[in-house]
Amino acid sequence: MYHVVMGIATDDAQARAKAKAVSDLPGESISATIVHADDDVDLLSIPSISDVHDYLIDHGVDVSLLATDRTPANAILDTAEREDADLICIGGRHRSPAGKMQMRIGAEAIILNTNRPVLIAGRE
């Protein structure tokens, strides 16, 4: 089974784009761990997480949820390492006028601190 770790924030404008990118991966058998950096909440009560969870389930992806008190980047990196993920999925923001991909600090930290492939999902 191909395993993906993805972070979803409470106000994640790219949550659906990440879900679509994961569900569009080739292969029969995909699982995903949704990581959220707040361990004091019911994850499915957060609309962005509930939406991604339901979207992935509807598209045949096995989904697990993980709440943590770590920073988002560290939570994603640690989870990917612990679960021996095949891929990390993050959101990209936009491109600069020069065409350079603009990312948040956490996304950049993930790219720089992993040896795993990273999928950058754009806006839907």
PDB file of N, CA and C in Angstrom:
ATOM      1  N   MET A   1       0.842  -1.177   0.000  1.00  0.00           N
ATOM      2  CA  MET A   1       0.000   0.000   0.000  1.00  0.00           C
ATOM      3  C   MET A   1       0.891   1.244   0.000  1.00  0.00           C
ATOM      4  N   TYR A   2       0.573   2.196  -0.839  1.00  0.00           N
ATOM      5  CA  TYR A   2       1.315   3.452  -0.957  1.00  0.00           C
ATOM      6  C   TYR A   2       0.785   4.404   0.105  1.00  0.00           C
ATOM      7  N   HIS A   3       1.678   4.892   0.959  1.00  0.00           N
ATOM      8  CA  HIS A   3       1.234   5.694   2.105  1.00  0.00           C
ATOM      9  C   HIS A   3       1.682   7.154   1.988  1.00  0.00           C
ATOM     10  N   VAL A   4       0.736   8.059   2.193  1.00  0.00           N
ATOM     11  CA  VAL A   4       0.970   9.501   2.097  1.00  0.00           C
ATOM     12  C   VAL A   4       0.679  10.150   3.448  1.00  0.00           C
ATOM     13  N   VAL A   5       1.532  11.069   3.852  1.00  0.00           N
ATOM     14  CA  VAL A   5       1.280  11.897   5.033  1.00  0.00           C
ATOM     15  C   VAL A   5       1.014  13.311   4.542  1.00  0.00           C
ATOM     16  N   MET A   6      -0.060  13.906   5.050  1.00  0.00           N
ATOM     17  CA  MET A   6      -0.426  15.263   4.641  1.00  0.00           C
ATOM     18  C   MET A   6      -0.887  16.059   5.850  1.00  0.00           C
ATOM     19  N   GLY A   7      -0.532  17.327   5.884  1.00  0.00           N
ATOM     20  CA  GLY A   7      -0.984  18.207   6.948  1.00  0.00           C
ATOM     21  C   GLY A   7      -2.183  19.010   6.479  1.00  0.00           C
ATOM     22  N   ILE A   8      -3.181  19.128   7.344  1.00  0.00           N
ATOM     23  CA  ILE A   8      -4.357  19.945   7.044  1.00  0.00           C
ATOM     24  C   ILE A   8      -4.573  20.888   8.225  1.00  0.00           C
ATOM     25  N   ALA A   9      -4.600  22.180   7.933  1.00  0.00           N
ATOM     26  CA  ALA A   9      -4.808  23.201   8.961  1.00  0.00           C
ATOM     27  C   ALA A   9      -6.295  23.522   9.098  1.00  0.00           C
ATOM     28  N   THR A  10      -6.639  24.206  10.160  1.00  0.00           N
ATOM     29  CA  THR A  10      -8.028  24.592  10.401  1.00  0.00           C
ATOM     30  C   THR A  10      -8.567  25.458   9.275  1.00  0.00           C
ATOM     31  N   ASP A  11      -7.762  26.377   8.797  1.00  0.00           N
ATOM     32  CA  ASP A  11      -8.196  27.307   7.747  1.00  0.00           C
ATOM     33  C   ASP A  11      -7.443  27.037   6.441  1.00  0.00           C
ATOM     34  N   ASP A  12      -7.305  25.779   6.092  1.00  0.00           N
ATOM     35  CA  ASP A  12      -6.478  25.357   4.964  1.00  0.00           C
ATOM     36  C   ASP A  12      -7.191  25.583   3.636  1.00  0.00           C
ATOM     37  N   ALA A  13      -6.819  26.655   2.937  1.00  0.00           N
ATOM     38  CA  ALA A  13      -7.448  26.990   1.653  1.00  0.00           C
ATOM     39  C   ALA A  13      -7.100  25.979   0.569  1.00  0.00           C
ATOM     40  N   GLN A  14      -6.054  25.203   0.779  1.00  0.00           N
ATOM     41  CA  GLN A  14      -5.638  24.231  -0.230  1.00  0.00           C
ATOM     42  C   GLN A  14      -5.955  22.798   0.164  1.00  0.00           C
ATOM     43  N   ALA A  15      -6.799  22.626   1.148  1.00  0.00           N
ATOM     44  CA  ALA A  15      -7.118  21.287   1.629  1.00  0.00           C
ATOM     45  C   ALA A  15      -7.696  20.411   0.521  1.00  0.00           C
ATOM     46  N   ARG A  16      -8.649  20.926  -0.235  1.00  0.00           N
ATOM     47  CA  ARG A  16      -9.268  20.124  -1.293  1.00  0.00           C
ATOM     48  C   ARG A  16      -8.263  19.809  -2.395  1.00  0.00           C
ATOM     49  N   ALA A  17      -7.387  20.753  -2.725  1.00  0.00           N
ATOM     50  CA  ALA A  17      -6.366  20.500  -3.750  1.00  0.00           C
ATOM     51  C   ALA A  17      -5.423  19.381  -3.299  1.00  0.00           C
ATOM     52  N   LYS A  18      -5.075  19.359  -2.019  1.00  0.00           N
ATOM     53  CA  LYS A  18      -4.230  18.283  -1.497  1.00  0.00           C
ATOM     54  C   LYS A  18      -4.961  16.946  -1.582  1.00  0.00           C
ATOM     55  N   ALA A  19      -6.233  16.941  -1.182  1.00  0.00           N
ATOM     56  CA  ALA A  19      -7.014  15.706  -1.233  1.00  0.00           C
ATOM     57  C   ALA A  19      -7.113  15.178  -2.660  1.00  0.00           C
ATOM     58  N   LYS A  20      -7.361  16.067  -3.604  1.00  0.00           N
ATOM     59  CA  LYS A  20      -7.465  15.658  -5.007  1.00  0.00           C
ATOM     60  C   LYS A  20      -6.136  15.116  -5.505  1.00  0.00           C
ATOM     61  N   ALA A  21      -5.038  15.774  -5.155  1.00  0.00           N
ATOM     62  CA  ALA A  21      -3.714  15.312  -5.583  1.00  0.00           C
ATOM     63  C   ALA A  21      -3.427  13.907  -5.057  1.00  0.00           C
ATOM     64  N   VAL A  22      -3.793  13.645  -3.815  1.00  0.00           N
ATOM     65  CA  VAL A  22      -3.565  12.317  -3.233  1.00  0.00           C
ATOM     66  C   VAL A  22      -4.475  11.285  -3.887  1.00  0.00           C
ATOM     67  N   SER A  23      -5.744  11.611  -4.058  1.00  0.00           N
ATOM     68  CA  SER A  23      -6.668  10.635  -4.653  1.00  0.00           C
ATOM     69  C   SER A  23      -6.355  10.369  -6.120  1.00  0.00           C
ATOM     70  N   ASP A  24      -5.683  11.298  -6.786  1.00  0.00           N
ATOM     71  CA  ASP A  24      -5.312  11.121  -8.193  1.00  0.00           C
ATOM     72  C   ASP A  24      -4.007  10.352  -8.387  1.00  0.00           C
ATOM     73  N   LEU A  25      -3.332   9.987  -7.309  1.00  0.00           N
ATOM     74  CA  LEU A  25      -2.095   9.224  -7.454  1.00  0.00           C
ATOM     75  C   LEU A  25      -2.394   7.892  -8.128  1.00  0.00           C
ATOM     76  N   PRO A  26      -1.496   7.432  -8.997  1.00  0.00           N
ATOM     77  CA  PRO A  26      -1.742   6.146  -9.661  1.00  0.00           C
ATOM     78  C   PRO A  26      -1.610   4.996  -8.673  1.00  0.00           C
ATOM     79  N   GLY A  27      -2.296   3.947  -8.951  1.00  0.00           N
ATOM     80  CA  GLY A  27      -2.207   2.763  -8.105  1.00  0.00           C
ATOM     81  C   GLY A  27      -3.549   2.398  -7.521  1.00  0.00           C
ATOM     82  N   GLU A  28      -3.644   1.178  -7.127  1.00  0.00           N
ATOM     83  CA  GLU A  28      -4.892   0.634  -6.604  1.00  0.00           C
ATOM     84  C   GLU A  28      -5.093   0.944  -5.125  1.00  0.00           C
ATOM     85  N   SER A  29      -4.020   0.967  -4.381  1.00  0.00           N
ATOM     86  CA  SER A  29      -4.128   0.953  -2.935  1.00  0.00           C
ATOM     87  C   SER A  29      -3.344   2.116  -2.321  1.00  0.00           C
ATOM     88  N   ILE A  30      -4.067   3.113  -1.830  1.00  0.00           N
ATOM     89  CA  ILE A  30      -3.439   4.295  -1.240  1.00  0.00           C
ATOM     90  C   ILE A  30      -4.007   4.497   0.163  1.00  0.00           C
ATOM     91  N   SER A  31      -3.129   4.834   1.086  1.00  0.00           N
ATOM     92  CA  SER A  31      -3.570   5.223   2.425  1.00  0.00           C
ATOM     93  C   SER A  31      -2.980   6.593   2.728  1.00  0.00           C
ATOM     94  N   ALA A  32      -3.672   7.336   3.573  1.00  0.00           N
ATOM     95  CA  ALA A  32      -3.215   8.680   3.925  1.00  0.00           C
ATOM     96  C   ALA A  32      -3.399   8.912   5.415  1.00  0.00           C
ATOM     97  N   THR A  33      -2.424   9.571   6.001  1.00  0.00           N
ATOM     98  CA  THR A  33      -2.550  10.050   7.370  1.00  0.00           C
ATOM     99  C   THR A  33      -2.674  11.561   7.304  1.00  0.00           C
ATOM    100  N   ILE A  34      -3.776  12.067   7.833  1.00  0.00           N
ATOM    101  CA  ILE A  34      -4.000  13.506   7.919  1.00  0.00           C
ATOM    102  C   ILE A  34      -3.478  13.963   9.278  1.00  0.00           C
ATOM    103  N   VAL A  35      -2.519  14.879   9.254  1.00  0.00           N
ATOM    104  CA  VAL A  35      -1.894  15.381  10.477  1.00  0.00           C
ATOM    105  C   VAL A  35      -2.402  16.795  10.738  1.00  0.00           C
ATOM    106  N   HIS A  36      -2.787  17.046  11.996  1.00  0.00           N
ATOM    107  CA  HIS A  36      -3.245  18.381  12.392  1.00  0.00           C
ATOM    108  C   HIS A  36      -2.539  18.775  13.683  1.00  0.00           C
ATOM    109  N   ALA A  37      -1.979  19.972  13.710  1.00  0.00           N
ATOM    110  CA  ALA A  37      -1.177  20.430  14.843  1.00  0.00           C
ATOM    111  C   ALA A  37      -2.030  21.098  15.915  1.00  0.00           C
ATOM    112  N   ASP A  38      -2.898  20.320  16.522  1.00  0.00           N
ATOM    113  CA  ASP A  38      -3.678  20.741  17.690  1.00  0.00           C
ATOM    114  C   ASP A  38      -4.269  19.472  18.271  1.00  0.00           C
ATOM    115  N   ASP A  39      -3.767  19.057  19.413  1.00  0.00           N
ATOM    116  CA  ASP A  39      -4.211  17.775  19.966  1.00  0.00           C
ATOM    117  C   ASP A  39      -5.370  17.905  20.948  1.00  0.00           C
ATOM    118  N   ASP A  40      -5.984  19.065  21.000  1.00  0.00           N
ATOM    119  CA  ASP A  40      -7.067  19.284  21.954  1.00  0.00           C
ATOM    120  C   ASP A  40      -8.390  19.555  21.240  1.00  0.00           C
ATOM    121  N   VAL A  41      -8.669  18.775  20.183  1.00  0.00           N
ATOM    122  CA  VAL A  41      -9.860  19.026  19.388  1.00  0.00           C
ATOM    123  C   VAL A  41     -10.306  17.730  18.707  1.00  0.00           C
ATOM    124  N   ASP A  42     -11.607  17.612  18.461  1.00  0.00           N
ATOM    125  CA  ASP A  42     -12.139  16.513  17.654  1.00  0.00           C
ATOM    126  C   ASP A  42     -11.864  16.857  16.192  1.00  0.00           C
ATOM    127  N   LEU A  43     -10.974  16.137  15.562  1.00  0.00           N
ATOM    128  CA  LEU A  43     -10.532  16.502  14.215  1.00  0.00           C
ATOM    129  C   LEU A  43     -11.665  16.566  13.204  1.00  0.00           C
ATOM    130  N   LEU A  44     -12.613  15.657  13.289  1.00  0.00           N
ATOM    131  CA  LEU A  44     -13.702  15.666  12.305  1.00  0.00           C
ATOM    132  C   LEU A  44     -14.694  16.808  12.527  1.00  0.00           C
ATOM    133  N   SER A  45     -14.529  17.564  13.615  1.00  0.00           N
ATOM    134  CA  SER A  45     -15.369  18.752  13.814  1.00  0.00           C
ATOM    135  C   SER A  45     -14.798  19.969  13.077  1.00  0.00           C
ATOM    136  N   ILE A  46     -13.597  19.839  12.542  1.00  0.00           N
ATOM    137  CA  ILE A  46     -12.964  20.922  11.781  1.00  0.00           C
ATOM    138  C   ILE A  46     -13.362  20.752  10.317  1.00  0.00           C
ATOM    139  N   PRO A  47     -14.059  21.738   9.736  1.00  0.00           N
ATOM    140  CA  PRO A  47     -14.574  21.574   8.371  1.00  0.00           C
ATOM    141  C   PRO A  47     -13.524  21.183   7.330  1.00  0.00           C
ATOM    142  N   SER A  48     -12.350  21.781   7.359  1.00  0.00           N
ATOM    143  CA  SER A  48     -11.338  21.446   6.345  1.00  0.00           C
ATOM    144  C   SER A  48     -10.893  19.992   6.465  1.00  0.00           C
ATOM    145  N   ILE A  49     -10.752  19.497   7.676  1.00  0.00           N
ATOM    146  CA  ILE A  49     -10.332  18.109   7.884  1.00  0.00           C
ATOM    147  C   ILE A  49     -11.460  17.153   7.536  1.00  0.00           C
ATOM    148  N   SER A  50     -12.660  17.469   7.967  1.00  0.00           N
ATOM    149  CA  SER A  50     -13.817  16.633   7.638  1.00  0.00           C
ATOM    150  C   SER A  50     -14.007  16.523   6.129  1.00  0.00           C
ATOM    151  N   ASP A  51     -13.847  17.645   5.428  1.00  0.00           N
ATOM    152  CA  ASP A  51     -13.994  17.662   3.971  1.00  0.00           C
ATOM    153  C   ASP A  51     -12.947  16.775   3.303  1.00  0.00           C
ATOM    154  N   VAL A  52     -11.690  16.908   3.713  1.00  0.00           N
ATOM    155  CA  VAL A  52     -10.620  16.088   3.135  1.00  0.00           C
ATOM    156  C   VAL A  52     -10.835  14.617   3.472  1.00  0.00           C
ATOM    157  N   HIS A  53     -11.162  14.333   4.713  1.00  0.00           N
ATOM    158  CA  HIS A  53     -11.424  12.956   5.139  1.00  0.00           C
ATOM    159  C   HIS A  53     -12.506  12.321   4.268  1.00  0.00           C
ATOM    160  N   ASP A  54     -13.636  12.999   4.138  1.00  0.00           N
ATOM    161  CA  ASP A  54     -14.749  12.459   3.348  1.00  0.00           C
ATOM    162  C   ASP A  54     -14.384  12.323   1.876  1.00  0.00           C
ATOM    163  N   TYR A  55     -13.684  13.310   1.331  1.00  0.00           N
ATOM    164  CA  TYR A  55     -13.275  13.267  -0.078  1.00  0.00           C
ATOM    165  C   TYR A  55     -12.383  12.054  -0.335  1.00  0.00           C
ATOM    166  N   LEU A  56     -11.396  11.854   0.534  1.00  0.00           N
ATOM    167  CA  LEU A  56     -10.486  10.726   0.345  1.00  0.00           C
ATOM    168  C   LEU A  56     -11.206   9.391   0.487  1.00  0.00           C
ATOM    169  N   ILE A  57     -12.051   9.261   1.493  1.00  0.00           N
ATOM    170  CA  ILE A  57     -12.825   8.024   1.675  1.00  0.00           C
ATOM    171  C   ILE A  57     -13.676   7.757   0.439  1.00  0.00           C
ATOM    172  N   ASP A  58     -14.359   8.789  -0.059  1.00  0.00           N
ATOM    173  CA  ASP A  58     -15.207   8.645  -1.250  1.00  0.00           C
ATOM    174  C   ASP A  58     -14.414   8.234  -2.484  1.00  0.00           C
ATOM    175  N   HIS A  59     -13.110   8.518  -2.484  1.00  0.00           N
ATOM    176  CA  HIS A  59     -12.262   8.169  -3.628  1.00  0.00           C
ATOM    177  C   HIS A  59     -11.391   6.939  -3.355  1.00  0.00           C
ATOM    178  N   GLY A  60     -11.774   6.147  -2.362  1.00  0.00           N
ATOM    179  CA  GLY A  60     -11.134   4.857  -2.127  1.00  0.00           C
ATOM    180  C   GLY A  60      -9.816   4.882  -1.383  1.00  0.00           C
ATOM    181  N   VAL A  61      -9.512   5.987  -0.717  1.00  0.00           N
ATOM    182  CA  VAL A  61      -8.264   6.090   0.043  1.00  0.00           C
ATOM    183  C   VAL A  61      -8.546   5.715   1.497  1.00  0.00           C
ATOM    184  N   ASP A  62      -7.708   4.849   2.073  1.00  0.00           N
ATOM    185  CA  ASP A  62      -7.803   4.541   3.500  1.00  0.00           C
ATOM    186  C   ASP A  62      -7.224   5.724   4.272  1.00  0.00           C
ATOM    187  N   VAL A  63      -7.971   6.224   5.262  1.00  0.00           N
ATOM    188  CA  VAL A  63      -7.574   7.459   5.946  1.00  0.00           C
ATOM    189  C   VAL A  63      -7.448   7.232   7.447  1.00  0.00           C
ATOM    190  N   SER A  64      -6.384   7.784   8.021  1.00  0.00           N
ATOM    191  CA  SER A  64      -6.266   7.861   9.471  1.00  0.00           C
ATOM    192  C   SER A  64      -6.003   9.318   9.841  1.00  0.00           C
ATOM    193  N   LEU A  65      -6.377   9.672  11.055  1.00  0.00           N
ATOM    194  CA  LEU A  65      -6.238  11.045  11.542  1.00  0.00           C
ATOM    195  C   LEU A  65      -5.259  11.070  12.707  1.00  0.00           C
ATOM    196  N   LEU A  66      -4.458  12.121  12.768  1.00  0.00           N
ATOM    197  CA  LEU A  66      -3.506  12.269  13.858  1.00  0.00           C
ATOM    198  C   LEU A  66      -3.490  13.714  14.327  1.00  0.00           C
ATOM    199  N   ALA A  67      -3.793  13.916  15.606  1.00  0.00           N
ATOM    200  CA  ALA A  67      -3.694  15.240  16.228  1.00  0.00           C
ATOM    201  C   ALA A  67      -2.424  15.253  17.069  1.00  0.00           C
ATOM    202  N   THR A  68      -1.706  16.367  17.044  1.00  0.00           N
ATOM    203  CA  THR A  68      -0.443  16.457  17.761  1.00  0.00           C
ATOM    204  C   THR A  68      -0.237  17.871  18.287  1.00  0.00           C
ATOM    205  N   ASP A  69       0.597  17.996  19.295  1.00  0.00           N
ATOM    206  CA  ASP A  69       0.900  19.326  19.829  1.00  0.00           C
ATOM    207  C   ASP A  69       2.212  19.876  19.272  1.00  0.00           C
ATOM    208  N   ARG A  70       2.785  19.220  18.292  1.00  0.00           N
ATOM    209  CA  ARG A  70       4.031  19.667  17.666  1.00  0.00           C
ATOM    210  C   ARG A  70       3.745  20.766  16.649  1.00  0.00           C
ATOM    211  N   THR A  71       4.798  21.430  16.190  1.00  0.00           N
ATOM    212  CA  THR A  71       4.615  22.388  15.102  1.00  0.00           C
ATOM    213  C   THR A  71       4.197  21.610  13.858  1.00  0.00           C
ATOM    214  N   PRO A  72       3.455  22.229  12.943  1.00  0.00           N
ATOM    215  CA  PRO A  72       2.994  21.487  11.763  1.00  0.00           C
ATOM    216  C   PRO A  72       4.127  20.805  10.994  1.00  0.00           C
ATOM    217  N   ALA A  73       5.203  21.515  10.718  1.00  0.00           N
ATOM    218  CA  ALA A  73       6.297  20.912   9.943  1.00  0.00           C
ATOM    219  C   ALA A  73       6.896  19.718  10.675  1.00  0.00           C
ATOM    220  N   ASN A  74       7.184  19.875  11.961  1.00  0.00           N
ATOM    221  CA  ASN A  74       7.756  18.764  12.729  1.00  0.00           C
ATOM    222  C   ASN A  74       6.787  17.604  12.848  1.00  0.00           C
ATOM    223  N   ALA A  75       5.512  17.898  13.017  1.00  0.00           N
ATOM    224  CA  ALA A  75       4.511  16.835  13.111  1.00  0.00           C
ATOM    225  C   ALA A  75       4.463  16.018  11.825  1.00  0.00           C
ATOM    226  N   ILE A  76       4.484  16.695  10.690  1.00  0.00           N
ATOM    227  CA  ILE A  76       4.441  15.997   9.402  1.00  0.00           C
ATOM    228  C   ILE A  76       5.716  15.191   9.192  1.00  0.00           C
ATOM    229  N   LEU A  77       6.867  15.794   9.451  1.00  0.00           N
ATOM    230  CA  LEU A  77       8.140  15.086   9.273  1.00  0.00           C
ATOM    231  C   LEU A  77       8.240  13.873  10.195  1.00  0.00           C
ATOM    232  N   ASP A  78       7.881  14.038  11.461  1.00  0.00           N
ATOM    233  CA  ASP A  78       7.955  12.927  12.416  1.00  0.00           C
ATOM    234  C   ASP A  78       6.990  11.806  12.042  1.00  0.00           C
ATOM    235  N   THR A  79       5.789  12.178  11.620  1.00  0.00           N
ATOM    236  CA  THR A  79       4.801  11.168  11.232  1.00  0.00           C
ATOM    237  C   THR A  79       5.260  10.414   9.994  1.00  0.00           C
ATOM    238  N   ALA A  80       5.785  11.131   9.023  1.00  0.00           N
ATOM    239  CA  ALA A  80       6.281  10.479   7.803  1.00  0.00           C
ATOM    240  C   ALA A  80       7.396   9.495   8.137  1.00  0.00           C
ATOM    241  N   GLU A  81       8.274   9.879   9.041  1.00  0.00           N
ATOM    242  CA  GLU A  81       9.368   8.991   9.446  1.00  0.00           C
ATOM    243  C   GLU A  81       8.833   7.781  10.202  1.00  0.00           C
ATOM    244  N   ARG A  82       7.993   8.021  11.191  1.00  0.00           N
ATOM    245  CA  ARG A  82       7.458   6.949  12.030  1.00  0.00           C
ATOM    246  C   ARG A  82       6.638   5.949  11.219  1.00  0.00           C
ATOM    247  N   GLU A  83       5.857   6.449  10.262  1.00  0.00           N
ATOM    248  CA  GLU A  83       4.984   5.574   9.473  1.00  0.00           C
ATOM    249  C   GLU A  83       5.642   5.109   8.176  1.00  0.00           C
ATOM    250  N   ASP A  84       6.902   5.461   7.988  1.00  0.00           N
ATOM    251  CA  ASP A  84       7.649   5.104   6.777  1.00  0.00           C
ATOM    252  C   ASP A  84       6.847   5.459   5.523  1.00  0.00           C
ATOM    253  N   ALA A  85       6.390   6.698   5.477  1.00  0.00           N
ATOM    254  CA  ALA A  85       5.555   7.175   4.363  1.00  0.00           C
ATOM    255  C   ALA A  85       6.326   7.143   3.049  1.00  0.00           C
ATOM    256  N   ASP A  86       5.596   6.897   1.987  1.00  0.00           N
ATOM    257  CA  ASP A  86       6.168   6.919   0.646  1.00  0.00           C
ATOM    258  C   ASP A  86       6.214   8.334   0.084  1.00  0.00           C
ATOM    259  N   LEU A  87       5.360   9.214   0.608  1.00  0.00           N
ATOM    260  CA  LEU A  87       5.213  10.554   0.047  1.00  0.00           C
ATOM    261  C   LEU A  87       4.670  11.496   1.112  1.00  0.00           C
ATOM    262  N   ILE A  88       5.080  12.751   1.048  1.00  0.00           N
ATOM    263  CA  ILE A  88       4.504  13.815   1.868  1.00  0.00           C
ATOM    264  C   ILE A  88       3.808  14.775   0.917  1.00  0.00           C
ATOM    265  N   CYS A  89       2.580  15.148   1.236  1.00  0.00           N
ATOM    266  CA  CYS A  89       1.825  16.093   0.409  1.00  0.00           C
ATOM    267  C   CYS A  89       1.645  17.398   1.181  1.00  0.00           C
ATOM    268  N   ILE A  90       2.072  18.501   0.556  1.00  0.00           N
ATOM    269  CA  ILE A  90       1.918  19.828   1.148  1.00  0.00           C
ATOM    270  C   ILE A  90       1.271  20.752   0.128  1.00  0.00           C
ATOM    271  N   GLY A  91       0.838  21.908   0.582  1.00  0.00           N
ATOM    272  CA  GLY A  91       0.234  22.887  -0.323  1.00  0.00           C
ATOM    273  C   GLY A  91       1.241  23.943  -0.737  1.00  0.00           C
ATOM    274  N   GLY A  92       1.160  24.349  -1.983  1.00  0.00           N
ATOM    275  CA  GLY A  92       1.944  25.481  -2.464  1.00  0.00           C
ATOM    276  C   GLY A  92       1.058  26.713  -2.401  1.00  0.00           C
ATOM    277  N   ARG A  93       1.616  27.864  -2.351  1.00  0.00           N
ATOM    278  CA  ARG A  93       0.797  29.072  -2.248  1.00  0.00           C
ATOM    279  C   ARG A  93       0.490  29.637  -3.620  1.00  0.00           C
ATOM    280  N   HIS A  94       1.480  30.135  -4.275  1.00  0.00           N
ATOM    281  CA  HIS A  94       1.293  30.731  -5.598  1.00  0.00           C
ATOM    282  C   HIS A  94       2.669  30.964  -6.205  1.00  0.00           C
ATOM    283  N   ARG A  95       2.677  31.478  -7.395  1.00  0.00           N
ATOM    284  CA  ARG A  95       3.949  31.788  -8.048  1.00  0.00           C
ATOM    285  C   ARG A  95       4.168  33.299  -8.053  1.00  0.00           C
ATOM    286  N   SER A  96       5.418  33.678  -7.896  1.00  0.00           N
ATOM    287  CA  SER A  96       5.782  35.094  -7.954  1.00  0.00           C
ATOM    288  C   SER A  96       5.701  35.555  -9.407  1.00  0.00           C
ATOM    289  N   PRO A  97       5.764  36.863  -9.647  1.00  0.00           N
ATOM    290  CA  PRO A  97       5.774  37.342 -11.037  1.00  0.00           C
ATOM    291  C   PRO A  97       6.903  36.729 -11.869  1.00  0.00           C
ATOM    292  N   ALA A  98       7.980  36.317 -11.220  1.00  0.00           N
ATOM    293  CA  ALA A  98       9.095  35.686 -11.937  1.00  0.00           C
ATOM    294  C   ALA A  98       8.882  34.189 -12.138  1.00  0.00           C
ATOM    295  N   GLY A  99       7.781  33.653 -11.607  1.00  0.00           N
ATOM    296  CA  GLY A  99       7.477  32.239 -11.781  1.00  0.00           C
ATOM    297  C   GLY A  99       7.982  31.337 -10.671  1.00  0.00           C
ATOM    298  N   LYS A 100       8.574  31.921  -9.627  1.00  0.00           N
ATOM    299  CA  LYS A 100       9.084  31.129  -8.517  1.00  0.00           C
ATOM    300  C   LYS A 100       7.935  30.708  -7.604  1.00  0.00           C
ATOM    301  N   MET A 101       7.932  29.437  -7.194  1.00  0.00           N
ATOM    302  CA  MET A 101       6.914  28.930  -6.278  1.00  0.00           C
ATOM    303  C   MET A 101       7.087  29.592  -4.917  1.00  0.00           C
ATOM    304  N   GLN A 102       6.010  30.152  -4.389  1.00  0.00           N
ATOM    305  CA  GLN A 102       6.012  30.772  -3.071  1.00  0.00           C
ATOM    306  C   GLN A 102       5.411  29.775  -2.082  1.00  0.00           C
ATOM    307  N   MET A 103       6.087  29.561  -0.954  1.00  0.00           N
ATOM    308  CA  MET A 103       5.609  28.612   0.042  1.00  0.00           C
ATOM    309  C   MET A 103       5.693  29.233   1.424  1.00  0.00           C
ATOM    310  N   ARG A 104       4.934  28.673   2.323  1.00  0.00           N
ATOM    311  CA  ARG A 104       5.040  29.076   3.717  1.00  0.00           C
ATOM    312  C   ARG A 104       6.302  28.473   4.310  1.00  0.00           C
ATOM    313  N   ILE A 105       6.713  29.022   5.436  1.00  0.00           N
ATOM    314  CA  ILE A 105       7.932  28.566   6.110  1.00  0.00           C
ATOM    315  C   ILE A 105       7.861  27.072   6.424  1.00  0.00           C
ATOM    316  N   GLY A 106       6.720  26.596   6.903  1.00  0.00           N
ATOM    317  CA  GLY A 106       6.585  25.179   7.254  1.00  0.00           C
ATOM    318  C   GLY A 106       6.767  24.266   6.058  1.00  0.00           C
ATOM    319  N   ALA A 107       6.205  24.651   4.912  1.00  0.00           N
ATOM    320  CA  ALA A 107       6.351  23.838   3.700  1.00  0.00           C
ATOM    321  C   ALA A 107       7.811  23.777   3.281  1.00  0.00           C
ATOM    322  N   GLU A 108       8.478  24.908   3.362  1.00  0.00           N
ATOM    323  CA  GLU A 108       9.898  24.936   3.005  1.00  0.00           C
ATOM    324  C   GLU A 108      10.712  24.066   3.957  1.00  0.00           C
ATOM    325  N   ALA A 109      10.391  24.109   5.246  1.00  0.00           N
ATOM    326  CA  ALA A 109      11.101  23.289   6.227  1.00  0.00           C
ATOM    327  C   ALA A 109      10.917  21.806   5.933  1.00  0.00           C
ATOM    328  N   ILE A 110       9.728  21.419   5.515  1.00  0.00           N
ATOM    329  CA  ILE A 110       9.478  20.014   5.182  1.00  0.00           C
ATOM    330  C   ILE A 110      10.346  19.593   4.000  1.00  0.00           C
ATOM    331  N   ILE A 111      10.341  20.394   2.950  1.00  0.00           N
ATOM    332  CA  ILE A 111      11.124  20.062   1.755  1.00  0.00           C
ATOM    333  C   ILE A 111      12.611  19.945   2.085  1.00  0.00           C
ATOM    334  N   LEU A 112      13.105  20.853   2.907  1.00  0.00           N
ATOM    335  CA  LEU A 112      14.532  20.874   3.217  1.00  0.00           C
ATOM    336  C   LEU A 112      14.965  19.801   4.208  1.00  0.00           C
ATOM    337  N   ASN A 113      14.022  19.246   4.974  1.00  0.00           N
ATOM    338  CA  ASN A 113      14.391  18.334   6.055  1.00  0.00           C
ATOM    339  C   ASN A 113      13.888  16.912   5.889  1.00  0.00           C
ATOM    340  N   THR A 114      13.566  16.515   4.678  1.00  0.00           N
ATOM    341  CA  THR A 114      13.154  15.132   4.458  1.00  0.00           C
ATOM    342  C   THR A 114      13.910  14.551   3.278  1.00  0.00           C
ATOM    343  N   ASN A 115      14.056  13.246   3.304  1.00  0.00           N
ATOM    344  CA  ASN A 115      14.613  12.553   2.148  1.00  0.00           C
ATOM    345  C   ASN A 115      13.505  11.827   1.381  1.00  0.00           C
ATOM    346  N   ARG A 116      12.266  12.095   1.759  1.00  0.00           N
ATOM    347  CA  ARG A 116      11.115  11.486   1.087  1.00  0.00           C
ATOM    348  C   ARG A 116      10.633  12.400  -0.033  1.00  0.00           C
ATOM    349  N   PRO A 117       9.985  11.830  -1.038  1.00  0.00           N
ATOM    350  CA  PRO A 117       9.394  12.678  -2.081  1.00  0.00           C
ATOM    351  C   PRO A 117       8.313  13.577  -1.480  1.00  0.00           C
ATOM    352  N   VAL A 118       8.227  14.796  -1.992  1.00  0.00           N
ATOM    353  CA  VAL A 118       7.220  15.757  -1.531  1.00  0.00           C
ATOM    354  C   VAL A 118       6.395  16.194  -2.732  1.00  0.00           C
ATOM    355  N   LEU A 119       5.084  16.053  -2.611  1.00  0.00           N
ATOM    356  CA  LEU A 119       4.141  16.496  -3.637  1.00  0.00           C
ATOM    357  C   LEU A 119       3.592  17.849  -3.206  1.00  0.00           C
ATOM    358  N   ILE A 120       3.752  18.856  -4.051  1.00  0.00           N
ATOM    359  CA  ILE A 120       3.214  20.184  -3.759  1.00  0.00           C
ATOM    360  C   ILE A 120       1.930  20.339  -4.548  1.00  0.00           C
ATOM    361  N   ALA A 121       0.818  20.374  -3.830  1.00  0.00           N
ATOM    362  CA  ALA A 121      -0.495  20.489  -4.466  1.00  0.00           C
ATOM    363  C   ALA A 121      -0.849  21.961  -4.602  1.00  0.00           C
ATOM    364  N   GLY A 122      -1.204  22.367  -5.793  1.00  0.00           N
ATOM    365  CA  GLY A 122      -1.559  23.761  -6.040  1.00  0.00           C
ATOM    366  C   GLY A 122      -3.005  24.034  -5.737  1.00  0.00           C
ATOM    367  N   ARG A 123      -3.394  25.222  -6.055  1.00  0.00           N
ATOM    368  CA  ARG A 123      -4.793  25.606  -5.850  1.00  0.00           C
ATOM    369  C   ARG A 123      -5.681  24.829  -6.797  1.00  0.00           C
ATOM    370  N   GLU A 124      -6.887  24.530  -6.329  1.00  0.00           N
ATOM    371  CA  GLU A 124      -7.840  23.753  -7.119  1.00  0.00           C
ATOM    372  C   GLU A 124      -8.370  24.559  -8.271  1.00  0.00           C
TER     373      GLU A 124
END
